[in-house]
Amino acid sequence: MSTGALLRHHASGAAVDRHLADQLLLPLSVAAKPSRFTVEQATRHLETNAWVIRELGVAEIVVHPMQSGTVEVVVAPQAPRIQT
C-alpha cells in the first residue's frame, strides 16, 4: 500500500481497506454469527464476491453507503441447506 493510499484509508475512518474487504466475505459467510464492518469504498471485487456468495445461498450480504462516505458491509450466514 502506498503512503497516499494509507493516508486516504486512515482519513476515511473505515475499519477495513478496500482491497481487503472482498477477501473477508467468504470466511465471514461461514461464521457462526452475523458480522459487519466498514470499508472506505465498495470495489467491483467486493460487489462481485457479495453477489456470488448470495447466489450460492451461503450468506446474505448487504453493501450500503453511509452518510460519512464510507460503506457498511453486513454479512449474515445462512443455515446450511440439506439436500435429500
PDB file of N, CA and C in Angstrom:
ATOM      1  N   MET A   1       0.849  -1.158   0.000  1.00  0.00           N
ATOM      2  CA  MET A   1       0.000   0.000   0.000  1.00  0.00           C
ATOM      3  C   MET A   1       0.904   1.233   0.000  1.00  0.00           C
ATOM      4  N   SER A   2       0.595   2.168  -0.879  1.00  0.00           N
ATOM      5  CA  SER A   2       1.385   3.401  -0.932  1.00  0.00           C
ATOM      6  C   SER A   2       1.063   4.293   0.260  1.00  0.00           C
ATOM      7  N   THR A   3       1.929   5.230   0.524  1.00  0.00           N
ATOM      8  CA  THR A   3       1.705   6.155   1.637  1.00  0.00           C
ATOM      9  C   THR A   3       0.416   6.934   1.424  1.00  0.00           C
ATOM     10  N   GLY A   4       0.163   7.371   0.187  1.00  0.00           N
ATOM     11  CA  GLY A   4      -1.060   8.112  -0.116  1.00  0.00           C
ATOM     12  C   GLY A   4      -2.307   7.277   0.139  1.00  0.00           C
ATOM     13  N   ALA A   5      -2.272   6.013  -0.267  1.00  0.00           N
ATOM     14  CA  ALA A   5      -3.416   5.119  -0.054  1.00  0.00           C
ATOM     15  C   ALA A   5      -3.632   4.875   1.432  1.00  0.00           C
ATOM     16  N   LEU A   6      -2.541   4.714   2.168  1.00  0.00           N
ATOM     17  CA  LEU A   6      -2.648   4.511   3.611  1.00  0.00           C
ATOM     18  C   LEU A   6      -3.261   5.738   4.283  1.00  0.00           C
ATOM     19  N   LEU A   7      -2.821   6.909   3.897  1.00  0.00           N
ATOM     20  CA  LEU A   7      -3.359   8.136   4.481  1.00  0.00           C
ATOM     21  C   LEU A   7      -4.839   8.322   4.130  1.00  0.00           C
ATOM     22  N   ARG A   8      -5.225   8.010   2.890  1.00  0.00           N
ATOM     23  CA  ARG A   8      -6.643   8.103   2.492  1.00  0.00           C
ATOM     24  C   ARG A   8      -7.489   7.129   3.299  1.00  0.00           C
ATOM     25  N   HIS A   9      -6.995   5.905   3.465  1.00  0.00           N
ATOM     26  CA  HIS A   9      -7.732   4.923   4.258  1.00  0.00           C
ATOM     27  C   HIS A   9      -7.871   5.402   5.696  1.00  0.00           C
ATOM     28  N   HIS A  10      -6.806   5.865   6.280  1.00  0.00           N
ATOM     29  CA  HIS A  10      -6.848   6.347   7.663  1.00  0.00           C
ATOM     30  C   HIS A  10      -7.836   7.509   7.806  1.00  0.00           C
ATOM     31  N   ALA A  11      -7.810   8.423   6.867  1.00  0.00           N
ATOM     32  CA  ALA A  11      -8.707   9.587   6.914  1.00  0.00           C
ATOM     33  C   ALA A  11     -10.173   9.187   6.767  1.00  0.00           C
ATOM     34  N   SER A  12     -10.438   8.079   6.099  1.00  0.00           N
ATOM     35  CA  SER A  12     -11.829   7.646   5.880  1.00  0.00           C
ATOM     36  C   SER A  12     -12.489   7.179   7.174  1.00  0.00           C
ATOM     37  N   GLY A  13     -11.688   6.695   8.127  1.00  0.00           N
ATOM     38  CA  GLY A  13     -12.234   6.163   9.368  1.00  0.00           C
ATOM     39  C   GLY A  13     -12.803   4.757   9.230  1.00  0.00           C
ATOM     40  N   ALA A  14     -12.676   4.153   8.061  1.00  0.00           N
ATOM     41  CA  ALA A  14     -13.201   2.805   7.819  1.00  0.00           C
ATOM     42  C   ALA A  14     -12.337   1.766   8.527  1.00  0.00           C
ATOM     43  N   ALA A  15     -12.965   0.679   8.930  1.00  0.00           N
ATOM     44  CA  ALA A  15     -12.255  -0.384   9.638  1.00  0.00           C
ATOM     45  C   ALA A  15     -11.370  -1.212   8.716  1.00  0.00           C
ATOM     46  N   VAL A  16     -11.776  -1.330   7.443  1.00  0.00           N
ATOM     47  CA  VAL A  16     -11.119  -2.253   6.521  1.00  0.00           C
ATOM     48  C   VAL A  16     -10.711  -1.519   5.246  1.00  0.00           C
ATOM     49  N   ASP A  17      -9.541  -1.825   4.755  1.00  0.00           N
ATOM     50  CA  ASP A  17      -9.049  -1.296   3.485  1.00  0.00           C
ATOM     51  C   ASP A  17      -9.867  -1.871   2.327  1.00  0.00           C
ATOM     52  N   ARG A  18     -10.051  -1.109   1.282  1.00  0.00           N
ATOM     53  CA  ARG A  18     -10.890  -1.558   0.159  1.00  0.00           C
ATOM     54  C   ARG A  18     -10.359  -2.806  -0.528  1.00  0.00           C
ATOM     55  N   HIS A  19      -9.074  -3.079  -0.432  1.00  0.00           N
ATOM     56  CA  HIS A  19      -8.508  -4.268  -1.070  1.00  0.00           C
ATOM     57  C   HIS A  19      -8.672  -5.525  -0.203  1.00  0.00           C
ATOM     58  N   LEU A  20      -9.001  -5.350   1.055  1.00  0.00           N
ATOM     59  CA  LEU A  20      -9.200  -6.482   1.955  1.00  0.00           C
ATOM     60  C   LEU A  20     -10.670  -6.887   2.050  1.00  0.00           C
ATOM     61  N   ALA A  21     -11.564  -5.956   1.868  1.00  0.00           N
ATOM     62  CA  ALA A  21     -12.995  -6.192   2.119  1.00  0.00           C
ATOM     63  C   ALA A  21     -13.550  -7.397   1.360  1.00  0.00           C
ATOM     64  N   ASP A  22     -13.246  -7.513   0.073  1.00  0.00           N
ATOM     65  CA  ASP A  22     -13.795  -8.636  -0.702  1.00  0.00           C
ATOM     66  C   ASP A  22     -13.241  -9.970  -0.218  1.00  0.00           C
ATOM     67  N   GLN A  23     -12.036  -9.983   0.327  1.00  0.00           N
ATOM     68  CA  GLN A  23     -11.431 -11.225   0.802  1.00  0.00           C
ATOM     69  C   GLN A  23     -12.018 -11.696   2.130  1.00  0.00           C
ATOM     70  N   LEU A  24     -12.628 -10.786   2.870  1.00  0.00           N
ATOM     71  CA  LEU A  24     -13.231 -11.143   4.154  1.00  0.00           C
ATOM     72  C   LEU A  24     -14.603 -11.796   3.994  1.00  0.00           C
ATOM     73  N   LEU A  25     -15.257 -11.594   2.865  1.00  0.00           N
ATOM     74  CA  LEU A  25     -16.637 -12.057   2.713  1.00  0.00           C
ATOM     75  C   LEU A  25     -16.812 -13.560   2.890  1.00  0.00           C
ATOM     76  N   LEU A  26     -15.964 -14.358   2.273  1.00  0.00           N
ATOM     77  CA  LEU A  26     -16.150 -15.807   2.352  1.00  0.00           C
ATOM     78  C   LEU A  26     -15.975 -16.348   3.773  1.00  0.00           C
ATOM     79  N   PRO A  27     -14.893 -16.022   4.496  1.00  0.00           N
ATOM     80  CA  PRO A  27     -14.805 -16.536   5.862  1.00  0.00           C
ATOM     81  C   PRO A  27     -15.933 -16.023   6.761  1.00  0.00           C
ATOM     82  N   LEU A  28     -16.354 -14.780   6.572  1.00  0.00           N
ATOM     83  CA  LEU A  28     -17.454 -14.261   7.384  1.00  0.00           C
ATOM     84  C   LEU A  28     -18.779 -14.917   7.017  1.00  0.00           C
ATOM     85  N   SER A  29     -18.877 -15.427   5.793  1.00  0.00           N
ATOM     86  CA  SER A  29     -20.099 -16.092   5.337  1.00  0.00           C
ATOM     87  C   SER A  29     -20.339 -17.434   5.999  1.00  0.00           C
ATOM     88  N   VAL A  30     -19.299 -18.020   6.539  1.00  0.00           N
ATOM     89  CA  VAL A  30     -19.445 -19.316   7.209  1.00  0.00           C
ATOM     90  C   VAL A  30     -19.225 -19.195   8.723  1.00  0.00           C
ATOM     91  N   ALA A  31     -19.204 -17.973   9.216  1.00  0.00           N
ATOM     92  CA  ALA A  31     -19.053 -17.747  10.653  1.00  0.00           C
ATOM     93  C   ALA A  31     -20.328 -18.151  11.387  1.00  0.00           C
ATOM     94  N   ALA A  32     -20.223 -18.261  12.687  1.00  0.00           N
ATOM     95  CA  ALA A  32     -21.372 -18.686  13.499  1.00  0.00           C
ATOM     96  C   ALA A  32     -22.434 -17.596  13.625  1.00  0.00           C
ATOM     97  N   LYS A  33     -22.031 -16.344  13.529  1.00  0.00           N
ATOM     98  CA  LYS A  33     -22.961 -15.228  13.720  1.00  0.00           C
ATOM     99  C   LYS A  33     -22.734 -14.167  12.648  1.00  0.00           C
ATOM    100  N   PRO A  34     -23.702 -13.269  12.475  1.00  0.00           N
ATOM    101  CA  PRO A  34     -23.536 -12.176  11.508  1.00  0.00           C
ATOM    102  C   PRO A  34     -22.357 -11.269  11.873  1.00  0.00           C
ATOM    103  N   SER A  35     -21.815 -10.639  10.841  1.00  0.00           N
ATOM    104  CA  SER A  35     -20.692  -9.721  11.007  1.00  0.00           C
ATOM    105  C   SER A  35     -20.989  -8.433  10.258  1.00  0.00           C
ATOM    106  N   ARG A  36     -20.322  -7.382  10.659  1.00  0.00           N
ATOM    107  CA  ARG A  36     -20.416  -6.127   9.920  1.00  0.00           C
ATOM    108  C   ARG A  36     -19.099  -5.386  10.035  1.00  0.00           C
ATOM    109  N   PHE A  37     -18.771  -4.635   8.987  1.00  0.00           N
ATOM    110  CA  PHE A  37     -17.572  -3.819   9.000  1.00  0.00           C
ATOM    111  C   PHE A  37     -17.772  -2.660   8.035  1.00  0.00           C
ATOM    112  N   THR A  38     -16.928  -1.650   8.190  1.00  0.00           N
ATOM    113  CA  THR A  38     -16.957  -0.525   7.260  1.00  0.00           C
ATOM    114  C   THR A  38     -15.727  -0.591   6.375  1.00  0.00           C
ATOM    115  N   VAL A  39     -15.902  -0.106   5.167  1.00  0.00           N
ATOM    116  CA  VAL A  39     -14.818  -0.064   4.200  1.00  0.00           C
ATOM    117  C   VAL A  39     -14.860   1.314   3.541  1.00  0.00           C
ATOM    118  N   GLU A  40     -13.704   1.805   3.147  1.00  0.00           N
ATOM    119  CA  GLU A  40     -13.643   3.163   2.605  1.00  0.00           C
ATOM    120  C   GLU A  40     -14.394   3.307   1.285  1.00  0.00           C
ATOM    121  N   GLN A  41     -14.473   2.229   0.510  1.00  0.00           N
ATOM    122  CA  GLN A  41     -15.102   2.293  -0.807  1.00  0.00           C
ATOM    123  C   GLN A  41     -15.469   0.881  -1.242  1.00  0.00           C
ATOM    124  N   ALA A  42     -16.630   0.717  -1.867  1.00  0.00           N
ATOM    125  CA  ALA A  42     -17.020  -0.586  -2.409  1.00  0.00           C
ATOM    126  C   ALA A  42     -16.384  -0.754  -3.788  1.00  0.00           C
ATOM    127  N   THR A  43     -15.578  -1.781  -3.945  1.00  0.00           N
ATOM    128  CA  THR A  43     -14.941  -2.049  -5.234  1.00  0.00           C
ATOM    129  C   THR A  43     -15.789  -3.042  -6.025  1.00  0.00           C
ATOM    130  N   ARG A  44     -15.465  -3.201  -7.289  1.00  0.00           N
ATOM    131  CA  ARG A  44     -16.165  -4.193  -8.119  1.00  0.00           C
ATOM    132  C   ARG A  44     -15.920  -5.595  -7.580  1.00  0.00           C
ATOM    133  N   HIS A  45     -14.728  -5.859  -7.056  1.00  0.00           N
ATOM    134  CA  HIS A  45     -14.448  -7.179  -6.471  1.00  0.00           C
ATOM    135  C   HIS A  45     -15.378  -7.445  -5.292  1.00  0.00           C
ATOM    136  N   LEU A  46     -15.573  -6.452  -4.443  1.00  0.00           N
ATOM    137  CA  LEU A  46     -16.466  -6.604  -3.298  1.00  0.00           C
ATOM    138  C   LEU A  46     -17.883  -6.892  -3.773  1.00  0.00           C
ATOM    139  N   GLU A  47     -18.368  -6.112  -4.722  1.00  0.00           N
ATOM    140  CA  GLU A  47     -19.725  -6.302  -5.239  1.00  0.00           C
ATOM    141  C   GLU A  47     -19.880  -7.669  -5.901  1.00  0.00           C
ATOM    142  N   THR A  48     -18.886  -8.081  -6.670  1.00  0.00           N
ATOM    143  CA  THR A  48     -18.955  -9.376  -7.361  1.00  0.00           C
ATOM    144  C   THR A  48     -18.922 -10.533  -6.373  1.00  0.00           C
ATOM    145  N   ASN A  49     -18.012 -10.492  -5.405  1.00  0.00           N
ATOM    146  CA  ASN A  49     -17.937 -11.565  -4.411  1.00  0.00           C
ATOM    147  C   ASN A  49     -19.220 -11.651  -3.593  1.00  0.00           C
ATOM    148  N   ALA A  50     -19.782 -10.497  -3.236  1.00  0.00           N
ATOM    149  CA  ALA A  50     -21.042 -10.486  -2.487  1.00  0.00           C
ATOM    150  C   ALA A  50     -22.147 -11.126  -3.323  1.00  0.00           C
ATOM    151  N   TRP A  51     -22.211 -10.810  -4.597  1.00  0.00           N
ATOM    152  CA  TRP A  51     -23.237 -11.374  -5.481  1.00  0.00           C
ATOM    153  C   TRP A  51     -23.094 -12.896  -5.584  1.00  0.00           C
ATOM    154  N   VAL A  52     -21.873 -13.381  -5.791  1.00  0.00           N
ATOM    155  CA  VAL A  52     -21.655 -14.823  -5.934  1.00  0.00           C
ATOM    156  C   VAL A  52     -22.051 -15.552  -4.642  1.00  0.00           C
ATOM    157  N   ILE A  53     -21.643 -15.030  -3.516  1.00  0.00           N
ATOM    158  CA  ILE A  53     -21.964 -15.673  -2.234  1.00  0.00           C
ATOM    159  C   ILE A  53     -23.472 -15.688  -2.002  1.00  0.00           C
ATOM    160  N   ARG A  54     -24.143 -14.579  -2.323  1.00  0.00           N
ATOM    161  CA  ARG A  54     -25.616 -14.545  -2.195  1.00  0.00           C
ATOM    162  C   ARG A  54     -26.263 -15.560  -3.131  1.00  0.00           C
ATOM    163  N   GLU A  55     -25.800 -15.628  -4.365  1.00  0.00           N
ATOM    164  CA  GLU A  55     -26.375 -16.558  -5.338  1.00  0.00           C
ATOM    165  C   GLU A  55     -26.197 -18.017  -4.920  1.00  0.00           C
ATOM    166  N   LEU A  56     -25.106 -18.316  -4.262  1.00  0.00           N
ATOM    167  CA  LEU A  56     -24.868 -19.685  -3.793  1.00  0.00           C
ATOM    168  C   LEU A  56     -25.652 -20.005  -2.529  1.00  0.00           C
ATOM    169  N   GLY A  57     -26.271 -18.994  -1.934  1.00  0.00           N
ATOM    170  CA  GLY A  57     -27.082 -19.215  -0.745  1.00  0.00           C
ATOM    171  C   GLY A  57     -26.273 -19.416   0.526  1.00  0.00           C
ATOM    172  N   VAL A  58     -25.006 -19.025   0.491  1.00  0.00           N
ATOM    173  CA  VAL A  58     -24.147 -19.208   1.654  1.00  0.00           C
ATOM    174  C   VAL A  58     -24.439 -18.151   2.716  1.00  0.00           C
ATOM    175  N   ALA A  59     -24.671 -16.913   2.282  1.00  0.00           N
ATOM    176  CA  ALA A  59     -24.921 -15.817   3.215  1.00  0.00           C
ATOM    177  C   ALA A  59     -25.681 -14.711   2.512  1.00  0.00           C
ATOM    178  N   GLU A  60     -26.353 -13.919   3.301  1.00  0.00           N
ATOM    179  CA  GLU A  60     -26.950 -12.693   2.783  1.00  0.00           C
ATOM    180  C   GLU A  60     -25.943 -11.588   3.066  1.00  0.00           C
ATOM    181  N   ILE A  61     -25.620 -10.821   2.039  1.00  0.00           N
ATOM    182  CA  ILE A  61     -24.636  -9.753   2.186  1.00  0.00           C
ATOM    183  C   ILE A  61     -25.257  -8.462   1.687  1.00  0.00           C
ATOM    184  N   VAL A  62     -25.191  -7.444   2.530  1.00  0.00           N
ATOM    185  CA  VAL A  62     -25.721  -6.134   2.177  1.00  0.00           C
ATOM    186  C   VAL A  62     -24.565  -5.142   2.195  1.00  0.00           C
ATOM    187  N   VAL A  63     -24.434  -4.402   1.111  1.00  0.00           N
ATOM    188  CA  VAL A  63     -23.403  -3.377   0.982  1.00  0.00           C
ATOM    189  C   VAL A  63     -24.131  -2.060   0.774  1.00  0.00           C
ATOM    190  N   HIS A  64     -23.985  -1.137   1.722  1.00  0.00           N
ATOM    191  CA  HIS A  64     -24.691   0.131   1.542  1.00  0.00           C
ATOM    192  C   HIS A  64     -23.854   1.308   2.015  1.00  0.00           C
ATOM    193  N   PRO A  65     -23.977   2.430   1.279  1.00  0.00           N
ATOM    194  CA  PRO A  65     -23.216   3.628   1.638  1.00  0.00           C
ATOM    195  C   PRO A  65     -23.738   4.250   2.924  1.00  0.00           C
ATOM    196  N   MET A  66     -22.841   4.880   3.641  1.00  0.00           N
ATOM    197  CA  MET A  66     -23.191   5.572   4.885  1.00  0.00           C
ATOM    198  C   MET A  66     -23.032   7.073   4.660  1.00  0.00           C
ATOM    199  N   GLN A  67     -23.626   7.857   5.517  1.00  0.00           N
ATOM    200  CA  GLN A  67     -23.542   9.310   5.383  1.00  0.00           C
ATOM    201  C   GLN A  67     -22.112   9.822   5.481  1.00  0.00           C
ATOM    202  N   SER A  68     -21.269   9.099   6.174  1.00  0.00           N
ATOM    203  CA  SER A  68     -19.873   9.517   6.348  1.00  0.00           C
ATOM    204  C   SER A  68     -19.060   9.388   5.065  1.00  0.00           C
ATOM    205  N   GLY A  69     -19.616   8.725   4.061  1.00  0.00           N
ATOM    206  CA  GLY A  69     -18.891   8.498   2.814  1.00  0.00           C
ATOM    207  C   GLY A  69     -18.281   7.113   2.736  1.00  0.00           C
ATOM    208  N   THR A  70     -18.223   6.406   3.855  1.00  0.00           N
ATOM    209  CA  THR A  70     -17.734   5.031   3.833  1.00  0.00           C
ATOM    210  C   THR A  70     -18.891   4.100   3.470  1.00  0.00           C
ATOM    211  N   VAL A  71     -18.608   2.827   3.419  1.00  0.00           N
ATOM    212  CA  VAL A  71     -19.599   1.815   3.067  1.00  0.00           C
ATOM    213  C   VAL A  71     -19.664   0.796   4.188  1.00  0.00           C
ATOM    214  N   GLU A  72     -20.876   0.410   4.580  1.00  0.00           N
ATOM    215  CA  GLU A  72     -21.042  -0.637   5.582  1.00  0.00           C
ATOM    216  C   GLU A  72     -21.372  -1.942   4.871  1.00  0.00           C
ATOM    217  N   VAL A  73     -20.729  -3.016   5.319  1.00  0.00           N
ATOM    218  CA  VAL A  73     -20.972  -4.347   4.771  1.00  0.00           C
ATOM    219  C   VAL A  73     -21.495  -5.218   5.910  1.00  0.00           C
ATOM    220  N   VAL A  74     -22.655  -5.840   5.684  1.00  0.00           N
ATOM    221  CA  VAL A  74     -23.253  -6.729   6.675  1.00  0.00           C
ATOM    222  C   VAL A  74     -23.318  -8.124   6.064  1.00  0.00           C
ATOM    223  N   VAL A  75     -22.750  -9.103   6.760  1.00  0.00           N
ATOM    224  CA  VAL A  75     -22.705 -10.482   6.284  1.00  0.00           C
ATOM    225  C   VAL A  75     -23.490 -11.347   7.272  1.00  0.00           C
ATOM    226  N   ALA A  76     -24.579 -11.956   6.795  1.00  0.00           N
ATOM    227  CA  ALA A  76     -25.414 -12.815   7.645  1.00  0.00           C
ATOM    228  C   ALA A  76     -25.373 -14.240   7.095  1.00  0.00           C
ATOM    229  N   PRO A  77     -24.611 -15.136   7.738  1.00  0.00           N
ATOM    230  CA  PRO A  77     -24.537 -16.520   7.278  1.00  0.00           C
ATOM    231  C   PRO A  77     -25.917 -17.171   7.276  1.00  0.00           C
ATOM    232  N   GLN A  78     -26.155 -18.004   6.287  1.00  0.00           N
ATOM    233  CA  GLN A  78     -27.420 -18.733   6.174  1.00  0.00           C
ATOM    234  C   GLN A  78     -27.214 -20.151   6.687  1.00  0.00           C
ATOM    235  N   ALA A  79     -28.276 -20.700   7.224  1.00  0.00           N
ATOM    236  CA  ALA A  79     -28.217 -22.088   7.696  1.00  0.00           C
ATOM    237  C   ALA A  79     -27.932 -22.999   6.515  1.00  0.00           C
ATOM    238  N   PRO A  80     -27.115 -24.008   6.698  1.00  0.00           N
ATOM    239  CA  PRO A  80     -26.823 -24.919   5.592  1.00  0.00           C
ATOM    240  C   PRO A  80     -28.090 -25.634   5.125  1.00  0.00           C
ATOM    241  N   ARG A  81     -28.185 -25.792   3.835  1.00  0.00           N
ATOM    242  CA  ARG A  81     -29.331 -26.497   3.252  1.00  0.00           C
ATOM    243  C   ARG A  81     -28.992 -27.971   3.123  1.00  0.00           C
ATOM    244  N   ILE A  82     -29.878 -28.810   3.580  1.00  0.00           N
ATOM    245  CA  ILE A  82     -29.696 -30.258   3.468  1.00  0.00           C
ATOM    246  C   ILE A  82     -30.488 -30.724   2.254  1.00  0.00           C
ATOM    247  N   GLN A  83     -29.801 -31.322   1.310  1.00  0.00           N
ATOM    248  CA  GLN A  83     -30.477 -31.800   0.118  1.00  0.00           C
ATOM    249  C   GLN A  83     -30.805 -33.267   0.288  1.00  0.00           C
ATOM    250  N   THR A  84     -32.022 -33.624  -0.083  1.00  0.00           N
ATOM    251  CA  THR A  84     -32.442 -35.025   0.024  1.00  0.00           C
ATOM    252  C   THR A  84     -32.641 -35.626  -1.326  1.00  0.00           C
TER     253      THR A  84
END
